[in-house]
Amino acid sequence: MKNAFNIVSRAFVVAALLLTISTGAFANNNTDKTTQRAREAVENAAPDDWYTLAKAAEKCIDKGVNLKEAAEWLNKSLAIHEAAYNLGIKGDYYVMNKLPEKALEYYSKSIRVGKMEDPSYMDAETQEKILALVRQLG
């Protein structure tokens, strides 16, 4: 009787473990899809398409996936053209990596570049991010 109980207990543990592993694999499908779609966009982009590189990086950063490759895309984007958009994403990248001083630097640069391109440029979202970081840093 005790032997049968041990067999049933082990079978239950194995089944629970397999269920956990398979559930984890399915949970990562969204992450994989984000990375896959971002890579496809980058692969199909023109060599000088800074916006697509930045957009792909942004999607990965927002989901917290594929951050190393996202940083590479973002650096390429910035090397092609510095715009308020990709500079702001670089700030988001630094926030995600717990580097608030660097994030503040890029958010501020984002606003400066936006103002240089268009004197009436306004970006309330980035201004809020700057304010939050200033408060955090004290």
C-alpha atoms as a PDB file:
ATOM      1  CA  MET A   1       0.000   0.000   0.000  1.00  0.00           C
ATOM      2  CA  LYS A   2       2.813   2.370   0.925  1.00  0.00           C
ATOM      3  CA  ASN A   3       4.577   1.548  -2.343  1.00  0.00           C
ATOM      4  CA  ALA A   4       1.445   2.387  -4.347  1.00  0.00           C
ATOM      5  CA  PHE A   5       1.143   5.691  -2.495  1.00  0.00           C
ATOM      6  CA  ASN A   6       4.766   6.596  -3.346  1.00  0.00           C
ATOM      7  CA  ILE A   7       4.192   5.789  -7.013  1.00  0.00           C
ATOM      8  CA  VAL A   8       1.031   7.915  -7.128  1.00  0.00           C
ATOM      9  CA  SER A   9       2.799  10.754  -5.286  1.00  0.00           C
ATOM     10  CA  ARG A  10       5.712  10.714  -7.701  1.00  0.00           C
ATOM     11  CA  ALA A  11       3.384  10.571 -10.684  1.00  0.00           C
ATOM     12  CA  PHE A  12       1.524  13.590  -9.326  1.00  0.00           C
ATOM     13  CA  VAL A  13       4.760  15.542  -8.811  1.00  0.00           C
ATOM     14  CA  VAL A  14       5.946  14.695 -12.333  1.00  0.00           C
ATOM     15  CA  ALA A  15       2.573  15.695 -13.813  1.00  0.00           C
ATOM     16  CA  ALA A  16       2.615  18.991 -11.898  1.00  0.00           C
ATOM     17  CA  LEU A  17       6.159  19.679 -13.057  1.00  0.00           C
ATOM     18  CA  LEU A  18       5.294  18.960 -16.693  1.00  0.00           C
ATOM     19  CA  LEU A  19       2.235  21.194 -16.462  1.00  0.00           C
ATOM     20  CA  THR A  20       4.340  24.020 -15.024  1.00  0.00           C
ATOM     21  CA  ILE A  21       6.955  23.677 -17.747  1.00  0.00           C
ATOM     22  CA  SER A  22       4.401  23.571 -20.572  1.00  0.00           C
ATOM     23  CA  THR A  23       2.480  26.530 -19.142  1.00  0.00           C
ATOM     24  CA  GLY A  24       5.722  28.501 -18.947  1.00  0.00           C
ATOM     25  CA  ALA A  25       6.488  27.694 -22.560  1.00  0.00           C
ATOM     26  CA  PHE A  26       3.108  29.002 -23.679  1.00  0.00           C
ATOM     27  CA  ALA A  27       3.450  32.111 -21.517  1.00  0.00           C
ATOM     28  CA  ASN A  28       6.631  33.022 -23.395  1.00  0.00           C
ATOM     29  CA  ASN A  29       4.892  32.911 -26.783  1.00  0.00           C
ATOM     30  CA  ASN A  30       3.885  36.581 -26.489  1.00  0.00           C
ATOM     31  CA  THR A  31       7.473  37.484 -25.728  1.00  0.00           C
ATOM     32  CA  ASP A  32       8.679  35.413 -28.636  1.00  0.00           C
ATOM     33  CA  LYS A  33       6.118  37.040 -30.930  1.00  0.00           C
ATOM     34  CA  THR A  34       7.252  40.510 -29.921  1.00  0.00           C
ATOM     35  CA  THR A  35      10.881  39.660 -30.594  1.00  0.00           C
ATOM     36  CA  GLN A  36      10.028  37.844 -33.814  1.00  0.00           C
ATOM     37  CA  ARG A  37       7.928  40.723 -35.164  1.00  0.00           C
ATOM     38  CA  ALA A  38      10.566  43.274 -34.205  1.00  0.00           C
ATOM     39  CA  ARG A  39      13.279  41.265 -35.948  1.00  0.00           C
ATOM     40  CA  GLU A  40      11.136  40.889 -39.065  1.00  0.00           C
ATOM     41  CA  ALA A  41      10.530  44.641 -39.166  1.00  0.00           C
ATOM     42  CA  VAL A  42      14.252  45.354 -38.836  1.00  0.00           C
ATOM     43  CA  GLU A  43      15.161  42.765 -41.482  1.00  0.00           C
ATOM     44  CA  ASN A  44      12.664  44.289 -43.932  1.00  0.00           C
ATOM     45  CA  ALA A  45      13.677  47.896 -43.240  1.00  0.00           C
ATOM     46  CA  ALA A  46      15.865  49.997 -45.503  1.00  0.00           C
ATOM     47  CA  PRO A  47      19.452  50.442 -44.251  1.00  0.00           C
ATOM     48  CA  ASP A  48      18.781  54.106 -43.389  1.00  0.00           C
ATOM     49  CA  ASP A  49      15.358  53.546 -41.776  1.00  0.00           C
ATOM     50  CA  TRP A  50      16.080  54.914 -38.310  1.00  0.00           C
ATOM     51  CA  TYR A  51      12.380  54.961 -37.386  1.00  0.00           C
ATOM     52  CA  THR A  52      11.788  51.218 -37.877  1.00  0.00           C
ATOM     53  CA  LEU A  53      14.887  50.423 -35.824  1.00  0.00           C
ATOM     54  CA  ALA A  54      13.644  52.692 -33.029  1.00  0.00           C
ATOM     55  CA  LYS A  55      10.096  51.301 -33.193  1.00  0.00           C
ATOM     56  CA  ALA A  56      11.358  47.700 -32.984  1.00  0.00           C
ATOM     57  CA  ALA A  57      13.536  48.627 -30.006  1.00  0.00           C
ATOM     58  CA  GLU A  58      10.617  50.391 -28.332  1.00  0.00           C
ATOM     59  CA  LYS A  59       8.363  47.332 -28.609  1.00  0.00           C
ATOM     60  CA  CYS A  60      10.990  45.113 -26.990  1.00  0.00           C
ATOM     61  CA  ILE A  61      11.759  47.653 -24.260  1.00  0.00           C
ATOM     62  CA  ASP A  62       8.056  48.088 -23.486  1.00  0.00           C
ATOM     63  CA  LYS A  63       7.695  44.305 -23.079  1.00  0.00           C
ATOM     64  CA  GLY A  64      11.025  43.934 -21.278  1.00  0.00           C
ATOM     65  CA  VAL A  65      12.288  41.375 -23.800  1.00  0.00           C
ATOM     66  CA  ASN A  66      15.283  41.060 -26.103  1.00  0.00           C
ATOM     67  CA  LEU A  67      16.889  44.099 -24.493  1.00  0.00           C
ATOM     68  CA  LYS A  68      20.406  43.513 -25.795  1.00  0.00           C
ATOM     69  CA  GLU A  69      19.280  43.441 -29.418  1.00  0.00           C
ATOM     70  CA  ALA A  70      16.878  46.325 -28.769  1.00  0.00           C
ATOM     71  CA  ALA A  71      19.812  48.418 -27.525  1.00  0.00           C
ATOM     72  CA  GLU A  72      21.752  47.591 -30.695  1.00  0.00           C
ATOM     73  CA  TRP A  73      18.818  48.644 -32.884  1.00  0.00           C
ATOM     74  CA  LEU A  74      18.412  51.823 -30.890  1.00  0.00           C
ATOM     75  CA  ASN A  75      22.099  52.692 -31.186  1.00  0.00           C
ATOM     76  CA  LYS A  76      21.935  52.124 -34.961  1.00  0.00           C
ATOM     77  CA  SER A  77      18.826  54.294 -35.144  1.00  0.00           C
ATOM     78  CA  LEU A  78      20.550  57.112 -33.265  1.00  0.00           C
ATOM     79  CA  ALA A  79      23.651  56.803 -35.457  1.00  0.00           C
ATOM     80  CA  ILE A  80      21.475  57.308 -38.542  1.00  0.00           C
ATOM     81  CA  HIS A  81      19.410  60.192 -37.165  1.00  0.00           C
ATOM     82  CA  GLU A  82      18.886  61.688 -33.716  1.00  0.00           C
ATOM     83  CA  ALA A  83      15.220  62.553 -33.322  1.00  0.00           C
ATOM     84  CA  ALA A  84      13.061  63.294 -30.310  1.00  0.00           C
ATOM     85  CA  TYR A  85      11.417  59.892 -30.789  1.00  0.00           C
ATOM     86  CA  ASN A  86      14.471  57.635 -30.625  1.00  0.00           C
ATOM     87  CA  LEU A  87      16.157  59.776 -27.953  1.00  0.00           C
ATOM     88  CA  GLY A  88      13.084  59.336 -25.762  1.00  0.00           C
ATOM     89  CA  ILE A  89      13.183  55.579 -26.282  1.00  0.00           C
ATOM     90  CA  LYS A  90      16.836  55.593 -25.218  1.00  0.00           C
ATOM     91  CA  GLY A  91      15.669  57.298 -22.028  1.00  0.00           C
ATOM     92  CA  ASP A  92      13.106  54.520 -21.521  1.00  0.00           C
ATOM     93  CA  TYR A  93      15.862  51.958 -22.037  1.00  0.00           C
ATOM     94  CA  TYR A  94      17.938  53.553 -19.289  1.00  0.00           C
ATOM     95  CA  VAL A  95      14.954  53.688 -16.929  1.00  0.00           C
ATOM     96  CA  MET A  96      14.403  49.962 -17.517  1.00  0.00           C
ATOM     97  CA  ASN A  97      18.064  49.354 -16.670  1.00  0.00           C
ATOM     98  CA  LYS A  98      17.856  51.453 -13.490  1.00  0.00           C
ATOM     99  CA  LEU A  99      20.112  54.238 -14.755  1.00  0.00           C
ATOM    100  CA  PRO A 100      17.991  57.321 -13.983  1.00  0.00           C
ATOM    101  CA  GLU A 101      20.765  59.878 -14.575  1.00  0.00           C
ATOM    102  CA  LYS A 102      21.348  58.567 -18.117  1.00  0.00           C
ATOM    103  CA  ALA A 103      17.590  58.426 -18.696  1.00  0.00           C
ATOM    104  CA  LEU A 104      17.274  62.050 -17.621  1.00  0.00           C
ATOM    105  CA  GLU A 105      20.069  63.005 -20.020  1.00  0.00           C
ATOM    106  CA  TYR A 106      18.321  61.373 -22.983  1.00  0.00           C
ATOM    107  CA  TYR A 107      14.839  62.627 -22.108  1.00  0.00           C
ATOM    108  CA  SER A 108      16.205  66.177 -21.877  1.00  0.00           C
ATOM    109  CA  LYS A 109      18.040  65.786 -25.168  1.00  0.00           C
ATOM    110  CA  SER A 110      14.827  64.458 -26.707  1.00  0.00           C
ATOM    111  CA  ILE A 111      12.989  67.646 -25.797  1.00  0.00           C
ATOM    112  CA  ARG A 112      15.865  69.870 -26.997  1.00  0.00           C
ATOM    113  CA  VAL A 113      16.021  68.094 -30.363  1.00  0.00           C
ATOM    114  CA  GLY A 114      12.236  68.251 -30.708  1.00  0.00           C
ATOM    115  CA  LYS A 115      12.309  72.012 -30.046  1.00  0.00           C
ATOM    116  CA  MET A 116      15.134  72.497 -32.555  1.00  0.00           C
ATOM    117  CA  GLU A 117      13.130  70.697 -35.244  1.00  0.00           C
ATOM    118  CA  ASP A 118       9.903  72.510 -34.365  1.00  0.00           C
ATOM    119  CA  PRO A 119       9.830  75.493 -31.962  1.00  0.00           C
ATOM    120  CA  SER A 120       6.229  74.649 -31.008  1.00  0.00           C
ATOM    121  CA  TYR A 121       7.150  71.044 -30.124  1.00  0.00           C
ATOM    122  CA  MET A 122       5.508  69.790 -26.937  1.00  0.00           C
ATOM    123  CA  ASP A 123       5.937  66.372 -25.351  1.00  0.00           C
ATOM    124  CA  ALA A 124       4.006  66.198 -22.104  1.00  0.00           C
ATOM    125  CA  GLU A 125       4.748  62.482 -21.649  1.00  0.00           C
ATOM    126  CA  THR A 126       8.515  63.014 -21.720  1.00  0.00           C
ATOM    127  CA  GLN A 127       8.178  66.049 -19.463  1.00  0.00           C
ATOM    128  CA  GLU A 128       6.323  63.875 -16.943  1.00  0.00           C
ATOM    129  CA  LYS A 129       9.078  61.261 -17.143  1.00  0.00           C
ATOM    130  CA  ILE A 130      11.689  63.956 -16.476  1.00  0.00           C
ATOM    131  CA  LEU A 131       9.731  65.283 -13.505  1.00  0.00           C
ATOM    132  CA  ALA A 132       9.368  61.772 -12.048  1.00  0.00           C
ATOM    133  CA  LEU A 133      13.108  61.146 -12.385  1.00  0.00           C
ATOM    134  CA  VAL A 134      14.012  64.497 -10.820  1.00  0.00           C
ATOM    135  CA  ARG A 135      11.775  63.649  -7.862  1.00  0.00           C
ATOM    136  CA  GLN A 136      13.304  60.173  -7.628  1.00  0.00           C
ATOM    137  CA  LEU A 137      16.839  61.539  -7.658  1.00  0.00           C
ATOM    138  CA  GLY A 138      15.958  64.182  -5.103  1.00  0.00           C
END
